[in-house]
Amino acid sequence: MENIQQKNSSTSYNVVTNEILEKLKAICGEKYVVNNDESCATYGSDETEDLFFKPEVIVKPSDANEISALLKLANSHFIPVTPRGPGTRLSGGALPVHGGIILSTERLTKIIDIDEKNLQCTVETGVINQHLRDAVEAKGLFYPPDPASRGSCFIGGNLAECSGGPKAVKYGVTKDYVLNCEVVLPTGEIIWTGANVLKNSTGYNLTQLMIGSEGT
């Protein structure tokens, strides 16, 4: 058998044009589409040491439908999109290594429901870990995952990183506390990965596929 090597290749993405900017503003609102140099520089790094990649624009959608429309637009024009929370992570998953669009989840901050009877809660991806802990504690409940950045990190980032913290030794990490996720795929399709039940044997465990993906 002959030894072969894979040819080096680099993917070439398209840039964000003025036409694309206007379409993004139509989707999310003009004030939530930002492309000035100072903001782009701020969103070009996180807590990962010595890495910087400047995006072309930051977009701040308010719900899954806006994210879906944004991704459909980017997908059709072959523009890279990088989701980002508050930028507290250390693995570089929120860095826009190909430029393009930063999809900020900072407006998705609702604790939608706390179901005390079934010991479940439904939250948006931009809810701060400590805010969730405080909200359930006020009802006599307990959410164990406690990463060091719990006062600023988002639940969505906790899922992406499968965050733990000191209590993980006794209680487990984030993956042990997620039943179901609403996910917008790169094509813009919206799916649910599971069901709001403790046991769900209806196919692949897509929920755990998403958790710990670290930006991939």
N, C-alpha and C. Protein backbone atom coordinates (compact mmCIF):
# COMPACT_ATOMS: atom_id res chain seq x y z
N MET A 1 0.85 -1.19 0.00
CA MET A 1 0.00 0.00 0.00
C MET A 1 0.88 1.24 0.00
N GLU A 2 0.55 2.17 -0.84
CA GLU A 2 1.34 3.40 -0.94
C GLU A 2 0.97 4.36 0.18
N ASN A 3 1.96 5.11 0.63
CA ASN A 3 1.72 6.15 1.63
C ASN A 3 1.28 7.43 0.93
N ILE A 4 0.17 7.98 1.37
CA ILE A 4 -0.31 9.23 0.77
C ILE A 4 -0.56 10.23 1.87
N GLN A 5 -0.59 11.50 1.50
CA GLN A 5 -0.85 12.57 2.43
C GLN A 5 -2.00 13.42 1.92
N GLN A 6 -2.73 13.96 2.86
CA GLN A 6 -3.83 14.85 2.49
C GLN A 6 -3.29 16.19 2.04
N LYS A 7 -3.79 16.67 0.94
CA LYS A 7 -3.37 17.97 0.43
C LYS A 7 -3.85 19.08 1.34
N ASN A 8 -2.95 20.00 1.65
CA ASN A 8 -3.33 21.14 2.48
C ASN A 8 -4.34 22.01 1.75
N SER A 9 -5.36 22.41 2.44
CA SER A 9 -6.37 23.27 1.82
C SER A 9 -6.94 24.18 2.88
N SER A 10 -7.40 25.34 2.48
CA SER A 10 -8.02 26.27 3.42
C SER A 10 -9.37 26.70 2.85
N THR A 11 -10.36 26.70 3.71
CA THR A 11 -11.70 27.09 3.30
C THR A 11 -11.78 28.59 3.13
N SER A 12 -12.36 29.02 2.05
CA SER A 12 -12.50 30.45 1.78
C SER A 12 -13.95 30.87 1.99
N TYR A 13 -14.17 31.74 2.98
CA TYR A 13 -15.52 32.21 3.27
C TYR A 13 -15.75 33.58 2.63
N ASN A 14 -17.01 33.93 2.52
CA ASN A 14 -17.37 35.24 1.99
C ASN A 14 -17.42 36.27 3.11
N VAL A 15 -17.29 37.54 2.74
CA VAL A 15 -17.29 38.62 3.72
C VAL A 15 -18.71 39.13 3.91
N VAL A 16 -18.89 39.90 4.98
CA VAL A 16 -20.19 40.51 5.28
C VAL A 16 -20.29 41.82 4.51
N THR A 17 -21.11 41.85 3.50
CA THR A 17 -21.29 43.04 2.67
C THR A 17 -22.32 43.98 3.29
N ASN A 18 -22.43 45.16 2.76
CA ASN A 18 -23.45 46.11 3.23
C ASN A 18 -24.86 45.55 3.03
N GLU A 19 -25.04 44.79 1.96
CA GLU A 19 -26.34 44.17 1.71
C GLU A 19 -26.68 43.17 2.81
N ILE A 20 -25.69 42.38 3.22
CA ILE A 20 -25.89 41.42 4.30
C ILE A 20 -26.17 42.14 5.62
N LEU A 21 -25.46 43.22 5.86
CA LEU A 21 -25.68 44.01 7.08
C LEU A 21 -27.12 44.49 7.16
N GLU A 22 -27.65 44.98 6.05
CA GLU A 22 -29.03 45.47 6.05
C GLU A 22 -30.02 44.33 6.31
N LYS A 23 -29.72 43.16 5.79
CA LYS A 23 -30.60 42.01 6.03
C LYS A 23 -30.53 41.56 7.48
N LEU A 24 -29.34 41.63 8.07
CA LEU A 24 -29.20 41.30 9.49
C LEU A 24 -29.98 42.28 10.36
N LYS A 25 -29.94 43.55 10.00
CA LYS A 25 -30.70 44.57 10.74
C LYS A 25 -32.20 44.34 10.61
N ALA A 26 -32.63 43.87 9.46
CA ALA A 26 -34.05 43.58 9.26
C ALA A 26 -34.49 42.40 10.13
N ILE A 27 -33.57 41.47 10.39
CA ILE A 27 -33.89 40.30 11.21
C ILE A 27 -33.91 40.64 12.70
N CYS A 28 -32.87 41.33 13.17
CA CYS A 28 -32.68 41.51 14.61
C CYS A 28 -32.91 42.93 15.11
N GLY A 29 -33.06 43.88 14.20
CA GLY A 29 -33.20 45.27 14.60
C GLY A 29 -31.87 45.99 14.48
N GLU A 30 -31.92 47.22 14.03
CA GLU A 30 -30.69 47.96 13.72
C GLU A 30 -29.77 48.11 14.93
N LYS A 31 -30.33 48.36 16.12
CA LYS A 31 -29.49 48.60 17.30
C LYS A 31 -28.77 47.34 17.77
N TYR A 32 -29.19 46.18 17.25
CA TYR A 32 -28.59 44.92 17.69
C TYR A 32 -27.64 44.32 16.65
N VAL A 33 -27.26 45.13 15.69
CA VAL A 33 -26.26 44.75 14.70
C VAL A 33 -25.14 45.78 14.78
N VAL A 34 -23.97 45.36 15.26
CA VAL A 34 -22.89 46.29 15.58
C VAL A 34 -21.63 45.91 14.81
N ASN A 35 -21.04 46.88 14.13
CA ASN A 35 -19.80 46.55 13.39
C ASN A 35 -18.74 47.64 13.50
N ASN A 36 -18.79 48.46 14.57
CA ASN A 36 -17.72 49.44 14.74
C ASN A 36 -16.45 48.75 15.24
N ASP A 37 -15.31 49.37 14.98
CA ASP A 37 -14.01 48.76 15.27
C ASP A 37 -13.84 48.41 16.75
N GLU A 38 -14.29 49.30 17.63
CA GLU A 38 -14.09 49.08 19.06
C GLU A 38 -14.85 47.85 19.55
N SER A 39 -16.10 47.72 19.13
CA SER A 39 -16.90 46.56 19.54
C SER A 39 -16.36 45.27 18.95
N CYS A 40 -15.99 45.32 17.69
CA CYS A 40 -15.45 44.12 17.04
C CYS A 40 -14.16 43.67 17.72
N ALA A 41 -13.34 44.62 18.14
CA ALA A 41 -12.10 44.28 18.85
C ALA A 41 -12.41 43.62 20.19
N THR A 42 -13.43 44.13 20.88
CA THR A 42 -13.80 43.57 22.18
C THR A 42 -14.27 42.13 22.04
N TYR A 43 -15.03 41.85 20.99
CA TYR A 43 -15.58 40.51 20.79
C TYR A 43 -14.59 39.59 20.07
N GLY A 44 -13.38 40.06 19.83
CA GLY A 44 -12.38 39.25 19.14
C GLY A 44 -11.55 38.38 20.06
N SER A 45 -11.80 38.46 21.36
CA SER A 45 -11.04 37.64 22.31
C SER A 45 -11.95 37.20 23.45
N ASP A 46 -11.52 36.17 24.17
CA ASP A 46 -12.19 35.78 25.40
C ASP A 46 -11.10 35.58 26.46
N GLU A 47 -11.32 34.71 27.42
CA GLU A 47 -10.32 34.51 28.47
C GLU A 47 -9.22 33.54 28.06
N THR A 48 -9.29 33.02 26.84
CA THR A 48 -8.21 32.19 26.33
C THR A 48 -6.97 33.05 26.13
N GLU A 49 -5.84 32.59 26.60
CA GLU A 49 -4.64 33.42 26.64
C GLU A 49 -4.08 33.71 25.24
N ASP A 50 -3.81 34.99 24.98
CA ASP A 50 -3.04 35.44 23.81
C ASP A 50 -3.65 35.06 22.47
N LEU A 51 -4.97 34.98 22.37
CA LEU A 51 -5.61 34.71 21.09
C LEU A 51 -6.58 35.84 20.76
N PHE A 52 -6.56 36.28 19.49
CA PHE A 52 -7.43 37.37 19.06
C PHE A 52 -7.81 37.16 17.61
N PHE A 53 -9.12 37.17 17.34
CA PHE A 53 -9.64 37.05 15.99
C PHE A 53 -10.81 38.02 15.86
N LYS A 54 -10.65 39.02 15.04
CA LYS A 54 -11.64 40.10 14.96
C LYS A 54 -12.80 39.71 14.04
N PRO A 55 -14.03 39.78 14.54
CA PRO A 55 -15.18 39.52 13.67
C PRO A 55 -15.49 40.74 12.80
N GLU A 56 -16.35 40.53 11.82
CA GLU A 56 -16.77 41.64 10.96
C GLU A 56 -17.99 42.36 11.54
N VAL A 57 -18.82 41.61 12.26
CA VAL A 57 -20.04 42.20 12.82
C VAL A 57 -20.51 41.36 14.00
N ILE A 58 -21.14 42.03 14.97
CA ILE A 58 -21.76 41.35 16.11
C ILE A 58 -23.27 41.50 15.97
N VAL A 59 -23.97 40.38 16.08
CA VAL A 59 -25.43 40.38 15.97
C VAL A 59 -26.00 39.80 17.25
N LYS A 60 -27.06 40.46 17.78
CA LYS A 60 -27.63 40.07 19.08
C LYS A 60 -29.11 39.73 18.91
N PRO A 61 -29.40 38.50 18.52
CA PRO A 61 -30.80 38.09 18.34
C PRO A 61 -31.53 37.95 19.68
N SER A 62 -32.87 37.93 19.61
CA SER A 62 -33.67 37.88 20.83
C SER A 62 -34.39 36.56 21.03
N ASP A 63 -34.42 35.71 20.00
CA ASP A 63 -35.10 34.43 20.15
C ASP A 63 -34.61 33.44 19.09
N ALA A 64 -35.12 32.21 19.18
CA ALA A 64 -34.69 31.15 18.26
C ALA A 64 -35.06 31.46 16.81
N ASN A 65 -36.17 32.11 16.60
CA ASN A 65 -36.59 32.42 15.22
C ASN A 65 -35.63 33.41 14.56
N GLU A 66 -35.18 34.40 15.33
CA GLU A 66 -34.20 35.34 14.78
C GLU A 66 -32.87 34.64 14.51
N ILE A 67 -32.46 33.75 15.41
CA ILE A 67 -31.23 32.99 15.19
C ILE A 67 -31.37 32.13 13.94
N SER A 68 -32.52 31.51 13.77
CA SER A 68 -32.77 30.68 12.60
C SER A 68 -32.65 31.49 11.31
N ALA A 69 -33.27 32.65 11.27
CA ALA A 69 -33.21 33.50 10.08
C ALA A 69 -31.78 33.97 9.81
N LEU A 70 -31.07 34.31 10.89
CA LEU A 70 -29.68 34.75 10.77
C LEU A 70 -28.82 33.64 10.17
N LEU A 71 -28.97 32.42 10.66
CA LEU A 71 -28.15 31.31 10.18
C LEU A 71 -28.52 30.90 8.76
N LYS A 72 -29.79 30.99 8.41
CA LYS A 72 -30.18 30.71 7.04
C LYS A 72 -29.52 31.70 6.08
N LEU A 73 -29.49 32.97 6.49
CA LEU A 73 -28.85 33.99 5.67
C LEU A 73 -27.35 33.73 5.54
N ALA A 74 -26.69 33.48 6.66
CA ALA A 74 -25.25 33.23 6.63
C ALA A 74 -24.91 31.98 5.84
N ASN A 75 -25.73 30.94 6.02
CA ASN A 75 -25.48 29.68 5.32
C ASN A 75 -25.60 29.84 3.81
N SER A 76 -26.60 30.60 3.38
CA SER A 76 -26.82 30.79 1.94
C SER A 76 -25.72 31.62 1.30
N HIS A 77 -25.04 32.46 2.09
CA HIS A 77 -23.96 33.30 1.55
C HIS A 77 -22.57 32.82 1.97
N PHE A 78 -22.51 31.65 2.64
CA PHE A 78 -21.25 31.04 3.06
C PHE A 78 -20.42 32.00 3.92
N ILE A 79 -21.07 32.53 4.95
CA ILE A 79 -20.43 33.44 5.91
C ILE A 79 -20.31 32.72 7.25
N PRO A 80 -19.14 32.68 7.86
CA PRO A 80 -18.98 31.98 9.14
C PRO A 80 -19.71 32.69 10.28
N VAL A 81 -20.26 31.89 11.19
CA VAL A 81 -20.96 32.41 12.37
C VAL A 81 -20.38 31.74 13.61
N THR A 82 -20.06 32.54 14.63
CA THR A 82 -19.53 32.01 15.88
C THR A 82 -20.43 32.44 17.03
N PRO A 83 -21.11 31.48 17.71
CA PRO A 83 -21.91 31.83 18.88
C PRO A 83 -21.01 32.26 20.04
N ARG A 84 -21.51 33.19 20.85
CA ARG A 84 -20.71 33.70 21.97
C ARG A 84 -21.62 34.15 23.10
N GLY A 85 -21.20 33.83 24.33
CA GLY A 85 -21.87 34.33 25.51
C GLY A 85 -21.10 35.52 26.06
N PRO A 86 -20.74 35.51 27.34
CA PRO A 86 -20.02 36.65 27.91
C PRO A 86 -18.51 36.61 27.70
N GLY A 87 -18.01 35.52 27.09
CA GLY A 87 -16.57 35.45 26.80
C GLY A 87 -15.73 35.04 27.99
N THR A 88 -16.27 34.20 28.87
CA THR A 88 -15.51 33.78 30.06
C THR A 88 -14.78 32.47 29.86
N ARG A 89 -15.00 31.81 28.74
CA ARG A 89 -14.43 30.47 28.57
C ARG A 89 -12.93 30.52 28.27
N LEU A 90 -12.28 29.39 28.49
CA LEU A 90 -10.82 29.28 28.36
C LEU A 90 -10.38 28.38 27.22
N SER A 91 -11.33 27.83 26.46
CA SER A 91 -10.97 26.87 25.41
C SER A 91 -10.99 27.47 24.01
N GLY A 92 -11.35 28.75 23.87
CA GLY A 92 -11.33 29.39 22.56
C GLY A 92 -12.53 29.10 21.69
N GLY A 93 -13.55 28.44 22.23
CA GLY A 93 -14.70 28.07 21.43
C GLY A 93 -15.52 29.24 20.93
N ALA A 94 -15.40 30.40 21.58
CA ALA A 94 -16.18 31.58 21.18
C ALA A 94 -15.39 32.53 20.29
N LEU A 95 -14.19 32.12 19.87
CA LEU A 95 -13.36 33.01 19.07
C LEU A 95 -13.70 32.88 17.58
N PRO A 96 -13.95 33.99 16.90
CA PRO A 96 -14.30 33.94 15.47
C PRO A 96 -13.06 33.77 14.59
N VAL A 97 -12.53 32.56 14.55
CA VAL A 97 -11.24 32.32 13.88
C VAL A 97 -11.31 32.59 12.38
N HIS A 98 -12.52 32.58 11.81
CA HIS A 98 -12.68 32.87 10.38
C HIS A 98 -13.32 34.23 10.13
N GLY A 99 -13.38 35.07 11.18
CA GLY A 99 -14.03 36.38 11.01
C GLY A 99 -15.54 36.22 10.98
N GLY A 100 -16.18 36.91 10.06
CA GLY A 100 -17.61 36.77 9.87
C GLY A 100 -18.45 37.34 10.99
N ILE A 101 -19.47 36.60 11.41
CA ILE A 101 -20.49 37.08 12.34
C ILE A 101 -20.29 36.47 13.73
N ILE A 102 -20.31 37.33 14.75
CA ILE A 102 -20.44 36.86 16.13
C ILE A 102 -21.93 36.87 16.46
N LEU A 103 -22.45 35.72 16.86
CA LEU A 103 -23.84 35.60 17.28
C LEU A 103 -23.85 35.65 18.81
N SER A 104 -24.14 36.82 19.34
CA SER A 104 -24.12 37.01 20.79
C SER A 104 -25.45 36.58 21.41
N THR A 105 -25.37 35.83 22.50
CA THR A 105 -26.58 35.35 23.18
C THR A 105 -26.94 36.22 24.38
N GLU A 106 -26.38 37.41 24.47
CA GLU A 106 -26.53 38.22 25.67
C GLU A 106 -27.94 38.75 25.90
N ARG A 107 -28.82 38.71 24.90
CA ARG A 107 -30.20 39.15 25.09
C ARG A 107 -31.13 38.01 25.51
N LEU A 108 -30.65 36.78 25.49
CA LEU A 108 -31.49 35.62 25.77
C LEU A 108 -31.40 35.28 27.26
N THR A 109 -32.02 36.10 28.08
CA THR A 109 -31.77 36.07 29.53
C THR A 109 -32.98 35.64 30.36
N LYS A 110 -33.99 35.06 29.75
CA LYS A 110 -35.22 34.75 30.48
C LYS A 110 -35.14 33.39 31.18
N ILE A 111 -35.55 33.36 32.45
CA ILE A 111 -35.89 32.11 33.11
C ILE A 111 -37.38 31.90 32.82
N ILE A 112 -37.67 31.03 31.88
CA ILE A 112 -39.02 30.91 31.34
C ILE A 112 -39.97 30.26 32.34
N ASP A 113 -39.49 29.22 33.00
CA ASP A 113 -40.38 28.49 33.91
C ASP A 113 -39.57 27.72 34.93
N ILE A 114 -40.05 27.70 36.18
CA ILE A 114 -39.51 26.81 37.20
C ILE A 114 -40.65 25.90 37.65
N ASP A 115 -40.56 24.64 37.26
CA ASP A 115 -41.60 23.65 37.54
C ASP A 115 -41.24 22.95 38.85
N GLU A 116 -41.78 23.46 39.95
CA GLU A 116 -41.42 22.92 41.26
C GLU A 116 -41.90 21.49 41.45
N LYS A 117 -43.03 21.15 40.85
CA LYS A 117 -43.59 19.81 41.03
C LYS A 117 -42.70 18.75 40.39
N ASN A 118 -42.20 19.04 39.20
CA ASN A 118 -41.39 18.06 38.46
C ASN A 118 -39.88 18.31 38.58
N LEU A 119 -39.52 19.31 39.39
CA LEU A 119 -38.09 19.63 39.61
C LEU A 119 -37.37 19.90 38.29
N GLN A 120 -38.01 20.73 37.46
CA GLN A 120 -37.43 21.11 36.18
C GLN A 120 -37.54 22.62 35.99
N CYS A 121 -36.64 23.16 35.20
CA CYS A 121 -36.76 24.57 34.83
C CYS A 121 -36.42 24.72 33.36
N THR A 122 -36.97 25.73 32.75
CA THR A 122 -36.70 26.06 31.34
C THR A 122 -36.11 27.45 31.28
N VAL A 123 -34.92 27.57 30.72
CA VAL A 123 -34.23 28.85 30.68
C VAL A 123 -33.66 29.11 29.29
N GLU A 124 -33.44 30.38 28.99
CA GLU A 124 -32.75 30.74 27.76
C GLU A 124 -31.25 30.64 27.96
N THR A 125 -30.54 30.58 26.84
CA THR A 125 -29.10 30.31 26.88
C THR A 125 -28.28 31.41 27.55
N GLY A 126 -28.80 32.65 27.60
CA GLY A 126 -28.04 33.75 28.17
C GLY A 126 -28.27 33.99 29.65
N VAL A 127 -28.97 33.08 30.32
CA VAL A 127 -29.17 33.21 31.77
C VAL A 127 -27.85 32.94 32.49
N ILE A 128 -27.48 33.82 33.40
CA ILE A 128 -26.25 33.63 34.18
C ILE A 128 -26.45 32.51 35.19
N ASN A 129 -25.45 31.67 35.31
CA ASN A 129 -25.52 30.51 36.20
C ASN A 129 -25.99 30.89 37.60
N GLN A 130 -25.40 31.92 38.19
CA GLN A 130 -25.74 32.29 39.56
C GLN A 130 -27.18 32.79 39.66
N HIS A 131 -27.67 33.46 38.62
CA HIS A 131 -29.05 33.93 38.63
C HIS A 131 -30.03 32.75 38.68
N LEU A 132 -29.69 31.68 37.94
CA LEU A 132 -30.53 30.49 37.98
C LEU A 132 -30.47 29.85 39.36
N ARG A 133 -29.27 29.75 39.90
CA ARG A 133 -29.11 29.15 41.24
C ARG A 133 -29.93 29.92 42.28
N ASP A 134 -29.88 31.25 42.20
CA ASP A 134 -30.62 32.08 43.16
C ASP A 134 -32.13 31.91 42.99
N ALA A 135 -32.56 31.83 41.70
CA ALA A 135 -33.99 31.74 41.43
C ALA A 135 -34.59 30.43 41.95
N VAL A 136 -33.89 29.33 41.77
CA VAL A 136 -34.43 28.05 42.25
C VAL A 136 -34.27 27.92 43.77
N GLU A 137 -33.21 28.52 44.30
CA GLU A 137 -33.01 28.49 45.75
C GLU A 137 -34.13 29.21 46.48
N ALA A 138 -34.64 30.28 45.87
CA ALA A 138 -35.75 31.03 46.46
C ALA A 138 -37.01 30.17 46.59
N LYS A 139 -37.06 29.08 45.83
CA LYS A 139 -38.19 28.17 45.88
C LYS A 139 -37.85 26.88 46.64
N GLY A 140 -36.71 26.92 47.35
CA GLY A 140 -36.31 25.76 48.13
C GLY A 140 -35.68 24.66 47.32
N LEU A 141 -35.17 24.99 46.12
CA LEU A 141 -34.57 24.01 45.22
C LEU A 141 -33.07 24.30 45.06
N PHE A 142 -32.39 23.44 44.29
CA PHE A 142 -30.93 23.51 44.23
C PHE A 142 -30.46 23.12 42.83
N TYR A 143 -29.65 23.99 42.21
CA TYR A 143 -29.01 23.66 40.93
C TYR A 143 -27.51 23.53 41.18
N PRO A 144 -26.95 22.32 41.17
CA PRO A 144 -25.59 22.09 41.65
C PRO A 144 -24.42 22.64 40.82
N PRO A 145 -24.41 22.53 39.46
CA PRO A 145 -23.19 22.94 38.74
C PRO A 145 -22.76 24.37 39.09
N ASP A 146 -21.52 24.50 39.57
CA ASP A 146 -21.05 25.80 40.08
C ASP A 146 -19.65 26.13 39.56
N PRO A 147 -19.51 26.42 38.27
CA PRO A 147 -18.19 26.78 37.73
C PRO A 147 -17.64 28.04 38.42
N ALA A 148 -16.34 28.21 38.35
CA ALA A 148 -15.69 29.35 39.02
C ALA A 148 -16.26 30.68 38.55
N SER A 149 -16.70 30.75 37.29
CA SER A 149 -17.24 32.00 36.73
C SER A 149 -18.75 32.07 36.85
N ARG A 150 -19.35 31.37 37.83
CA ARG A 150 -20.81 31.26 37.91
C ARG A 150 -21.50 32.61 38.04
N GLY A 151 -20.80 33.64 38.50
CA GLY A 151 -21.41 34.95 38.63
C GLY A 151 -21.52 35.70 37.31
N SER A 152 -20.89 35.17 36.26
CA SER A 152 -20.93 35.86 34.97
C SER A 152 -21.16 34.94 33.78
N CYS A 153 -20.88 33.64 33.92
CA CYS A 153 -21.01 32.73 32.77
C CYS A 153 -22.47 32.41 32.49
N PHE A 154 -22.76 32.13 31.22
CA PHE A 154 -24.12 31.83 30.78
C PHE A 154 -24.38 30.32 30.81
N ILE A 155 -25.63 29.94 30.98
CA ILE A 155 -26.01 28.54 30.96
C ILE A 155 -25.66 27.90 29.61
N GLY A 156 -25.82 28.63 28.52
CA GLY A 156 -25.48 28.10 27.21
C GLY A 156 -24.00 27.73 27.12
N GLY A 157 -23.15 28.58 27.69
CA GLY A 157 -21.72 28.27 27.72
C GLY A 157 -21.42 27.10 28.63
N ASN A 158 -22.18 26.99 29.74
CA ASN A 158 -22.02 25.84 30.63
C ASN A 158 -22.30 24.54 29.89
N LEU A 159 -23.32 24.55 29.02
CA LEU A 159 -23.63 23.37 28.22
C LEU A 159 -22.51 23.10 27.21
N ALA A 160 -22.05 24.15 26.54
CA ALA A 160 -21.01 23.97 25.52
C ALA A 160 -19.72 23.42 26.12
N GLU A 161 -19.44 23.82 27.36
CA GLU A 161 -18.20 23.39 28.02
C GLU A 161 -18.41 22.22 28.99
N CYS A 162 -19.65 21.80 29.18
CA CYS A 162 -20.00 20.80 30.20
C CYS A 162 -19.34 21.20 31.52
N SER A 163 -19.65 22.39 31.97
CA SER A 163 -19.01 22.97 33.15
C SER A 163 -19.33 22.19 34.41
N GLY A 164 -18.41 22.26 35.35
CA GLY A 164 -18.59 21.58 36.62
C GLY A 164 -18.44 22.52 37.79
N GLY A 165 -17.31 22.43 38.47
CA GLY A 165 -17.07 23.21 39.67
C GLY A 165 -16.86 22.28 40.85
N PRO A 166 -16.57 22.83 42.02
CA PRO A 166 -16.27 22.01 43.20
C PRO A 166 -17.36 20.99 43.55
N LYS A 167 -18.62 21.35 43.32
CA LYS A 167 -19.71 20.43 43.68
C LYS A 167 -19.84 19.25 42.72
N ALA A 168 -19.06 19.27 41.62
CA ALA A 168 -19.13 18.18 40.64
C ALA A 168 -18.73 16.84 41.24
N VAL A 169 -17.85 16.87 42.24
CA VAL A 169 -17.39 15.63 42.87
C VAL A 169 -18.56 14.85 43.47
N LYS A 170 -19.49 15.57 44.06
CA LYS A 170 -20.63 14.93 44.70
C LYS A 170 -21.85 14.86 43.80
N TYR A 171 -22.09 15.95 43.01
CA TYR A 171 -23.36 16.05 42.30
C TYR A 171 -23.27 15.85 40.79
N GLY A 172 -22.07 15.81 40.23
CA GLY A 172 -21.95 15.70 38.79
C GLY A 172 -21.81 17.06 38.11
N VAL A 173 -21.72 17.05 36.78
CA VAL A 173 -21.48 18.26 36.00
C VAL A 173 -22.73 18.62 35.18
N THR A 174 -22.61 19.62 34.34
CA THR A 174 -23.77 20.15 33.63
C THR A 174 -24.53 19.08 32.85
N LYS A 175 -23.83 18.17 32.19
CA LYS A 175 -24.51 17.15 31.37
C LYS A 175 -25.48 16.29 32.18
N ASP A 176 -25.26 16.22 33.48
CA ASP A 176 -26.13 15.41 34.33
C ASP A 176 -27.43 16.12 34.69
N TYR A 177 -27.59 17.38 34.24
CA TYR A 177 -28.76 18.17 34.64
C TYR A 177 -29.53 18.74 33.45
N VAL A 178 -29.30 18.19 32.25
CA VAL A 178 -29.98 18.70 31.06
C VAL A 178 -30.85 17.60 30.46
N LEU A 179 -32.13 17.87 30.30
CA LEU A 179 -33.07 16.91 29.72
C LEU A 179 -33.27 17.13 28.23
N ASN A 180 -33.25 18.39 27.80
CA ASN A 180 -33.72 18.71 26.46
C ASN A 180 -33.17 20.07 26.06
N CYS A 181 -32.82 20.22 24.81
CA CYS A 181 -32.31 21.52 24.31
C CYS A 181 -33.04 21.90 23.03
N GLU A 182 -33.38 23.17 22.94
CA GLU A 182 -33.82 23.72 21.65
C GLU A 182 -32.57 24.21 20.93
N VAL A 183 -32.30 23.66 19.76
CA VAL A 183 -31.05 23.94 19.06
C VAL A 183 -31.36 24.44 17.65
N VAL A 184 -30.66 25.50 17.25
CA VAL A 184 -30.74 25.97 15.87
C VAL A 184 -29.52 25.44 15.13
N LEU A 185 -29.75 24.62 14.13
CA LEU A 185 -28.66 24.03 13.36
C LEU A 185 -28.05 25.07 12.41
N PRO A 186 -26.85 24.81 11.88
CA PRO A 186 -26.21 25.77 10.97
C PRO A 186 -27.05 26.12 9.74
N THR A 187 -27.94 25.21 9.35
CA THR A 187 -28.82 25.48 8.21
C THR A 187 -29.98 26.39 8.57
N GLY A 188 -30.18 26.63 9.87
CA GLY A 188 -31.31 27.43 10.33
C GLY A 188 -32.47 26.60 10.83
N GLU A 189 -32.41 25.28 10.66
CA GLU A 189 -33.48 24.41 11.15
C GLU A 189 -33.47 24.39 12.67
N ILE A 190 -34.65 24.44 13.28
CA ILE A 190 -34.79 24.39 14.73
C ILE A 190 -35.24 23.00 15.15
N ILE A 191 -34.50 22.39 16.08
CA ILE A 191 -34.86 21.06 16.57
C ILE A 191 -34.87 21.05 18.10
N TRP A 192 -35.56 20.05 18.65
CA TRP A 192 -35.45 19.72 20.07
C TRP A 192 -34.67 18.42 20.17
N THR A 193 -33.74 18.35 21.10
CA THR A 193 -32.84 17.19 21.15
C THR A 193 -33.37 16.04 21.99
N GLY A 194 -34.39 16.28 22.79
CA GLY A 194 -34.88 15.22 23.67
C GLY A 194 -36.31 15.47 24.07
N ALA A 195 -36.60 15.22 25.35
CA ALA A 195 -37.94 15.44 25.89
C ALA A 195 -37.81 15.81 27.36
N ASN A 196 -38.83 16.45 27.90
CA ASN A 196 -38.77 16.90 29.29
C ASN A 196 -39.19 15.80 30.26
N VAL A 197 -38.50 14.68 30.13
CA VAL A 197 -38.75 13.52 30.99
C VAL A 197 -37.41 12.94 31.44
N LEU A 198 -37.40 12.24 32.56
CA LEU A 198 -36.15 11.70 33.08
C LEU A 198 -35.66 10.52 32.25
N LYS A 199 -36.56 9.74 31.67
CA LYS A 199 -36.18 8.62 30.81
C LYS A 199 -36.76 8.83 29.43
N ASN A 200 -35.89 8.80 28.42
CA ASN A 200 -36.33 9.01 27.05
C ASN A 200 -35.53 8.08 26.15
N SER A 201 -36.18 7.05 25.61
CA SER A 201 -35.47 6.03 24.81
C SER A 201 -35.91 6.07 23.36
N THR A 202 -36.22 7.24 22.84
CA THR A 202 -36.75 7.36 21.48
C THR A 202 -35.67 7.80 20.51
N GLY A 203 -34.60 7.02 20.44
CA GLY A 203 -33.57 7.32 19.44
C GLY A 203 -32.27 7.80 20.05
N TYR A 204 -31.45 8.43 19.21
CA TYR A 204 -30.13 8.88 19.63
C TYR A 204 -30.21 9.95 20.72
N ASN A 205 -29.20 9.98 21.56
CA ASN A 205 -29.14 10.96 22.64
C ASN A 205 -28.50 12.25 22.11
N LEU A 206 -29.29 13.03 21.40
CA LEU A 206 -28.77 14.26 20.78
C LEU A 206 -28.45 15.31 21.83
N THR A 207 -29.11 15.26 22.97
CA THR A 207 -28.83 16.23 24.02
C THR A 207 -27.38 16.15 24.46
N GLN A 208 -26.93 14.94 24.73
CA GLN A 208 -25.55 14.77 25.18
C GLN A 208 -24.54 14.98 24.06
N LEU A 209 -24.97 14.86 22.80
CA LEU A 209 -24.08 15.19 21.68
C LEU A 209 -23.73 16.67 21.68
N MET A 210 -24.71 17.50 22.06
CA MET A 210 -24.49 18.94 22.05
C MET A 210 -23.67 19.40 23.27
N ILE A 211 -23.85 18.75 24.39
CA ILE A 211 -23.19 19.20 25.62
C ILE A 211 -21.71 18.82 25.59
N GLY A 212 -20.87 19.80 25.90
CA GLY A 212 -19.42 19.55 25.89
C GLY A 212 -18.78 19.67 24.52
N SER A 213 -19.50 20.24 23.56
CA SER A 213 -18.98 20.34 22.19
C SER A 213 -17.90 21.41 22.04
N GLU A 214 -17.82 22.33 23.01
CA GLU A 214 -16.76 23.35 23.06
C GLU A 214 -16.55 24.12 21.76
N GLY A 215 -17.67 24.49 21.14
CA GLY A 215 -17.56 25.34 19.96
C GLY A 215 -17.47 24.60 18.64
N THR A 216 -17.40 23.25 18.68
CA THR A 216 -17.29 22.50 17.44
C THR A 216 -18.62 22.26 16.77
